Amino acid sequence: MNITAQALTQELQARLNPEFVEVLDESAAHAGHAGANGTGLGTHFRVRIQSAVFTGKSRVARHRLVYDALQEYIDQGLHALAIEVIEHT
């Protein structure tokens, strides 16, 4: 498993064409937590994203778009994903 903030950022850019995206690896703060892989990397991330594709969609639909874009990584062991959608202006 090699899940990185950079890989997640690239996937989100390719799939959701965001005006802004920031992915933070918060895995080290969750060491010892269920789902942590023992390396302190690649299991817990925070995504801050702004994209026109979210316009008119509910919070649940917006989050579903992010989860769908990152499903490959979830299947590889991404355990937790905090999503902050920034309103499109």
C-alpha atoms as a PDB file:
ATOM      1  CA  MET A   1       0.000   0.000   0.000  1.00  0.00           C
ATOM      2  CA  ASN A   2       1.408   3.361  -1.037  1.00  0.00           C
ATOM      3  CA  ILE A   3      -1.327   5.900  -0.478  1.00  0.00           C
ATOM      4  CA  THR A   4       0.002   9.449  -0.449  1.00  0.00           C
ATOM      5  CA  ALA A   5      -1.504  12.913  -0.331  1.00  0.00           C
ATOM      6  CA  GLN A   6       0.047  13.538  -3.735  1.00  0.00           C
ATOM      7  CA  ALA A   7      -1.615  10.472  -5.278  1.00  0.00           C
ATOM      8  CA  LEU A   8      -5.005  11.449  -3.844  1.00  0.00           C
ATOM      9  CA  THR A   9      -4.570  15.022  -5.078  1.00  0.00           C
ATOM     10  CA  GLN A  10      -3.763  13.841  -8.593  1.00  0.00           C
ATOM     11  CA  GLU A  11      -6.801  11.551  -8.658  1.00  0.00           C
ATOM     12  CA  LEU A  12      -9.127  14.300  -7.447  1.00  0.00           C
ATOM     13  CA  GLN A  13      -7.706  16.721 -10.023  1.00  0.00           C
ATOM     14  CA  ALA A  14      -8.250  14.224 -12.826  1.00  0.00           C
ATOM     15  CA  ARG A  15     -11.780  13.260 -11.824  1.00  0.00           C
ATOM     16  CA  LEU A  16     -13.329  16.408 -10.331  1.00  0.00           C
ATOM     17  CA  ASN A  17     -11.396  19.228 -12.027  1.00  0.00           C
ATOM     18  CA  PRO A  18     -11.266  21.334  -8.858  1.00  0.00           C
ATOM     19  CA  GLU A  19     -10.430  25.017  -8.713  1.00  0.00           C
ATOM     20  CA  PHE A  20      -8.796  24.247  -5.360  1.00  0.00           C
ATOM     21  CA  VAL A  21      -7.765  20.995  -3.711  1.00  0.00           C
ATOM     22  CA  GLU A  22      -5.657  20.309  -0.652  1.00  0.00           C
ATOM     23  CA  VAL A  23      -5.046  16.840   0.759  1.00  0.00           C
ATOM     24  CA  LEU A  24      -3.468  16.475   4.184  1.00  0.00           C
ATOM     25  CA  ASP A  25      -2.102  13.191   5.534  1.00  0.00           C
ATOM     26  CA  GLU A  26      -3.234  13.028   9.160  1.00  0.00           C
ATOM     27  CA  SER A  27      -2.286   9.375   9.597  1.00  0.00           C
ATOM     28  CA  ALA A  28       0.490   9.944  12.133  1.00  0.00           C
ATOM     29  CA  ALA A  29      -2.029  11.499  14.530  1.00  0.00           C
ATOM     30  CA  HIS A  30      -4.014   8.234  14.480  1.00  0.00           C
ATOM     31  CA  ALA A  31      -1.226   5.774  15.314  1.00  0.00           C
ATOM     32  CA  GLY A  32      -2.620   2.922  17.388  1.00  0.00           C
ATOM     33  CA  HIS A  33      -6.155   3.683  16.212  1.00  0.00           C
ATOM     34  CA  ALA A  34      -8.203   0.977  14.497  1.00  0.00           C
ATOM     35  CA  GLY A  35      -7.400   1.152  10.805  1.00  0.00           C
ATOM     36  CA  ALA A  36      -3.890   2.534  11.280  1.00  0.00           C
ATOM     37  CA  ASN A  37      -1.320   0.460   9.430  1.00  0.00           C
ATOM     38  CA  GLY A  38       1.518   0.833  11.915  1.00  0.00           C
ATOM     39  CA  THR A  39       3.633   2.979   9.586  1.00  0.00           C
ATOM     40  CA  GLY A  40       1.938   6.256  10.470  1.00  0.00           C
ATOM     41  CA  LEU A  41       1.246   6.885   6.785  1.00  0.00           C
ATOM     42  CA  GLY A  42      -1.506   6.440   4.244  1.00  0.00           C
ATOM     43  CA  THR A  43      -4.609   5.671   6.275  1.00  0.00           C
ATOM     44  CA  HIS A  44      -6.201   8.942   7.426  1.00  0.00           C
ATOM     45  CA  PHE A  45      -6.576  11.986   5.175  1.00  0.00           C
ATOM     46  CA  ARG A  46      -8.343  15.333   5.109  1.00  0.00           C
ATOM     47  CA  VAL A  47      -9.519  16.708   1.750  1.00  0.00           C
ATOM     48  CA  ARG A  48     -10.379  20.372   1.218  1.00  0.00           C
ATOM     49  CA  ILE A  49     -11.849  20.854  -2.229  1.00  0.00           C
ATOM     50  CA  GLN A  50     -13.733  23.350  -4.374  1.00  0.00           C
ATOM     51  CA  SER A  51     -15.189  22.359  -7.741  1.00  0.00           C
ATOM     52  CA  ALA A  52     -18.007  23.403 -10.023  1.00  0.00           C
ATOM     53  CA  VAL A  53     -19.148  19.747 -10.134  1.00  0.00           C
ATOM     54  CA  PHE A  54     -20.519  20.206  -6.607  1.00  0.00           C
ATOM     55  CA  THR A  55     -22.837  23.085  -7.581  1.00  0.00           C
ATOM     56  CA  GLY A  56     -26.464  22.326  -6.742  1.00  0.00           C
ATOM     57  CA  LYS A  57     -25.643  19.017  -5.050  1.00  0.00           C
ATOM     58  CA  SER A  58     -26.415  18.072  -1.462  1.00  0.00           C
ATOM     59  CA  ARG A  59     -23.638  17.547   1.061  1.00  0.00           C
ATOM     60  CA  VAL A  60     -24.118  13.787   0.787  1.00  0.00           C
ATOM     61  CA  ALA A  61     -23.900  13.885  -3.025  1.00  0.00           C
ATOM     62  CA  ARG A  62     -20.739  16.003  -2.844  1.00  0.00           C
ATOM     63  CA  HIS A  63     -19.079  13.590  -0.452  1.00  0.00           C
ATOM     64  CA  ARG A  64     -20.170  10.645  -2.612  1.00  0.00           C
ATOM     65  CA  LEU A  65     -18.365  12.217  -5.594  1.00  0.00           C
ATOM     66  CA  VAL A  66     -15.157  12.443  -3.561  1.00  0.00           C
ATOM     67  CA  TYR A  67     -15.499   8.881  -2.243  1.00  0.00           C
ATOM     68  CA  ASP A  68     -16.206   7.578  -5.750  1.00  0.00           C
ATOM     69  CA  ALA A  69     -13.136   9.385  -7.113  1.00  0.00           C
ATOM     70  CA  LEU A  70     -10.956   7.797  -4.421  1.00  0.00           C
ATOM     71  CA  GLN A  71     -12.534   4.308  -4.338  1.00  0.00           C
ATOM     72  CA  GLU A  72      -9.335   2.655  -5.607  1.00  0.00           C
ATOM     73  CA  TYR A  73      -7.476   3.996  -2.563  1.00  0.00           C
ATOM     74  CA  ILE A  74     -10.245   3.047  -0.171  1.00  0.00           C
ATOM     75  CA  ASP A  75      -9.969  -0.483  -1.532  1.00  0.00           C
ATOM     76  CA  GLN A  76      -6.206  -0.344  -0.832  1.00  0.00           C
ATOM     77  CA  GLY A  77      -6.641   0.590   2.831  1.00  0.00           C
ATOM     78  CA  LEU A  78      -7.490   4.282   3.085  1.00  0.00           C
ATOM     79  CA  HIS A  79      -9.344   4.048   6.389  1.00  0.00           C
ATOM     80  CA  ALA A  80     -10.632   7.544   7.139  1.00  0.00           C
ATOM     81  CA  LEU A  81     -11.401  10.529   4.956  1.00  0.00           C
ATOM     82  CA  ALA A  82     -12.501  13.912   6.281  1.00  0.00           C
ATOM     83  CA  ILE A  83     -14.044  15.980   3.498  1.00  0.00           C
ATOM     84  CA  GLU A  84     -14.432  19.754   3.521  1.00  0.00           C
ATOM     85  CA  VAL A  85     -16.192  21.070   0.431  1.00  0.00           C
ATOM     86  CA  ILE A  86     -15.637  24.780  -0.162  1.00  0.00           C
ATOM     87  CA  GLU A  87     -18.631  26.500  -1.721  1.00  0.00           C
ATOM     88  CA  HIS A  88     -18.095  27.412  -5.359  1.00  0.00           C
ATOM     89  CA  THR A  89     -18.169  31.152  -5.991  1.00  0.00           C
END
